[in-house]
Protein backbone atom coordinates (compact mmCIF):
# COMPACT_ATOMS: atom_id res chain seq x y z
CA MET A 1 -0.19 -0.24 0.35
CA GLU A 2 2.95 1.92 1.24
CA TYR A 3 4.58 1.62 -2.13
CA ASN A 4 1.75 2.78 -4.01
CA ALA A 5 1.32 6.16 -2.52
CA ILE A 6 5.38 6.97 -3.30
CA ASN A 7 4.42 6.05 -6.61
CA SER A 8 1.54 8.17 -7.10
CA LEU A 9 3.23 11.38 -5.44
CA GLU A 10 6.65 10.35 -7.33
CA LYS A 11 4.17 10.55 -10.92
CA GLU A 12 2.05 13.18 -9.62
CA LEU A 13 5.18 15.24 -8.59
CA VAL A 14 7.32 14.24 -12.03
CA ARG A 15 3.85 15.93 -13.83
CA VAL A 16 3.92 18.39 -11.87
CA LEU A 17 7.11 19.36 -11.86
CA LYS A 18 7.26 19.38 -16.20
CA GLU A 19 5.12 20.79 -16.17
CA GLU A 20 7.39 24.08 -13.92
CA TYR A 21 9.66 23.37 -16.13
CA SER A 22 7.63 23.78 -19.34
CA PHE A 23 6.80 27.36 -17.66
CA TYR A 24 10.26 28.52 -16.38
CA GLN A 25 11.40 27.49 -20.01
CA SER A 26 8.89 30.41 -21.75
CA LEU A 27 9.94 32.24 -18.76
CA TYR A 28 12.65 32.37 -20.13
CA ILE A 29 12.11 32.82 -23.11
CA MET A 30 10.75 36.11 -22.35
CA ILE A 31 12.83 37.94 -20.61
CA ASP A 32 15.48 36.91 -23.19
CA LYS A 33 13.07 39.05 -25.35
CA GLN A 34 12.51 41.42 -22.95
CA ARG A 35 16.87 41.87 -23.22
CA ASP A 36 15.94 42.33 -27.12
CA LEU A 37 13.32 44.87 -26.36
CA LEU A 38 15.74 46.73 -24.44
CA LYS A 39 18.32 46.47 -26.75
CA PHE A 40 16.59 47.53 -29.83
CA GLU A 41 14.91 50.42 -28.31
CA LYS A 42 11.37 49.07 -28.92
CA GLU A 43 9.93 51.04 -25.57
CA GLU A 44 6.58 50.43 -26.60
CA LYS A 45 6.26 47.14 -26.76
CA LEU A 46 8.63 46.57 -23.02
CA LEU A 47 5.12 47.21 -20.85
CA ASP A 48 3.63 44.83 -22.55
CA ILE A 49 6.78 41.97 -20.95
CA TYR A 50 6.59 43.54 -18.03
CA THR A 51 2.69 42.90 -17.26
CA GLU A 52 3.42 39.45 -18.84
CA ILE A 53 6.91 39.15 -16.53
CA GLU A 54 4.38 40.19 -13.66
CA ARG A 55 1.73 37.53 -14.38
CA CYS A 56 4.91 35.00 -14.26
CA ARG A 57 5.27 35.36 -11.22
CA LYS A 58 2.70 35.57 -9.71
CA ARG A 59 2.21 31.96 -11.26
CA ILE A 60 6.24 31.49 -9.41
CA LEU A 61 4.30 31.54 -6.00
CA LYS A 62 1.10 29.39 -6.91
CA SER A 63 3.49 26.74 -8.23
CA GLU A 64 5.09 27.00 -4.77
CA ASP A 65 2.62 27.21 -3.06
CA LYS A 66 1.13 23.83 -5.03
CA ILE A 67 4.51 22.05 -3.38
CA VAL A 68 4.35 22.97 -0.63
CA SER A 69 0.80 21.63 -0.21
CA MET A 70 1.79 17.92 -1.42
CA ARG A 71 4.53 18.66 1.12
CA LYS A 72 2.35 19.09 3.77
CA ASP A 73 -0.22 16.51 3.47
CA ASN A 74 2.48 13.24 3.84
CA PRO A 75 6.33 14.80 4.56
CA LYS A 76 7.16 11.65 4.83
CA LEU A 77 5.94 9.91 1.43
CA PHE A 78 6.91 13.44 0.22
CA HIS A 79 10.69 12.90 0.83
CA LEU A 80 10.55 9.48 -0.01
CA ALA A 81 9.30 10.33 -3.79
CA VAL A 82 11.34 13.58 -4.18
CA THR A 83 14.32 10.31 -3.86
CA ALA A 84 13.67 9.66 -7.09
CA PRO A 85 15.35 10.08 -10.39
CA ASP A 86 13.08 10.96 -12.50
CA VAL A 87 12.02 14.21 -10.05
CA ARG A 88 15.60 14.50 -8.81
CA LYS A 89 16.65 14.76 -12.15
CA LEU A 90 13.58 17.54 -13.14
CA ALA A 91 14.69 19.21 -10.03
CA GLN A 92 18.28 20.21 -11.38
CA SER A 93 17.07 20.94 -14.29
CA ILE A 94 14.27 23.10 -12.61
CA ALA A 95 17.12 24.55 -9.93
CA THR A 96 19.58 25.26 -13.45
CA LEU A 97 16.99 27.35 -15.32
CA ILE A 98 15.72 29.32 -13.16
CA GLN A 99 19.56 30.21 -12.16
CA LYS A 100 19.74 31.37 -16.26
CA ASN A 101 16.68 33.28 -15.82
CA VAL A 102 17.76 35.16 -12.74
CA GLU A 103 21.09 35.67 -14.74
CA LEU A 104 19.66 37.29 -17.43
CA VAL A 105 17.12 39.27 -15.41
CA ARG A 106 20.40 41.15 -14.31
CA ASP A 107 22.20 41.65 -17.48
CA ASN A 108 18.60 43.69 -17.77
CA GLU A 109 18.44 45.05 -15.25
CA ALA A 110 22.40 46.35 -16.04
CA TYR A 111 21.14 47.16 -18.72
CA ALA A 112 18.00 49.07 -18.57
CA THR A 113 20.10 50.42 -15.68
CA SER A 114 23.41 51.88 -17.85
CA ARG A 115 20.58 52.94 -20.04
CA TYR A 116 19.09 55.02 -17.61
CA ASN A 117 22.21 56.64 -16.67
CA ARG A 118 23.40 57.79 -19.91
CA ILE A 119 20.00 59.18 -20.89
CA LYS A 120 20.02 60.86 -17.79
CA GLU A 121 23.45 62.47 -18.84
CA GLU A 122 22.37 62.99 -22.44
CA LEU A 123 19.21 65.59 -19.90
CA ASP A 124 22.05 66.84 -17.79
CA LYS A 125 23.39 67.83 -20.92
CA LEU A 126 20.65 69.15 -23.00
CA LYS A 127 19.68 71.34 -19.91
CA ASN A 128 23.86 72.93 -19.16
CA SER A 129 24.01 73.88 -23.16
CA THR A 130 20.41 75.68 -22.54
CA LYS A 131 21.74 77.80 -20.01
CA VAL A 132 24.66 78.74 -21.16
CA MET A 133 22.70 79.58 -24.42
CA ASN A 134 20.72 82.06 -22.47
CA TYR A 135 23.84 83.40 -21.12
CA LEU A 136 25.35 84.06 -24.80
CA HIS A 137 22.02 85.30 -26.31
CA GLU A 138 22.14 88.71 -26.47
CA LYS A 139 19.49 90.42 -24.87
CA GLU A 140 17.04 92.77 -27.08
CA VAL A 141 17.48 96.47 -26.54
CA ALA A 142 14.57 98.18 -24.44
CA PRO A 143 13.71 101.56 -24.10
CA GLN A 144 14.57 102.48 -20.31
CA PHE A 145 12.36 104.40 -18.24
CA VAL A 146 13.62 106.72 -15.99
CA ASP A 147 11.49 109.02 -13.56
CA LYS A 148 9.11 108.07 -16.01
CA LYS A 149 10.52 109.25 -18.87
CA ASN A 150 11.61 107.98 -22.77
C-alpha cells in the first residue's frame, strides 16, 4: 500500500515538475525577448513584456504553494518521492533554468540601468547647454524708463 502511495506521489511530482519546467522555459524566452527589446530600444512593447512577467511572478507563487501543499499532506511520503531519479533530474533541470533566468534578469537590469544613466546624463547636458545659450543670447534692447521718461 505504501509503495503505491509513494509511486502515485512520485508520478504527481513528475507531472507538476514537467509543467514547471515548461513554464520556466517560457519565462526564459520572455526575459530574453525583454533583453532584445531593451537592446534595440523598442520601448513601446516593453510594457507588455513587463505585464506578462508580472503574471509569471504570480504563477511562480502558485507553483510554490502547490509544492508546499504536497509536502504538507504527507512529509514522509514526499521525502521518499523526492529521492526518485526522475524527480531529482527534473528538479535539477528547473534549478538550472531558474539560475539562467536570474542571470538574464541581472543582465537586463544592468543594461536598463546603464541606459537610464546615459539618458539622464544627456538630459543634464541639455539643461546645461540651455543655460549657456541663455547667457550667450543677446538680450533685446528695450527702452529704459527713468523717472517715467523715455
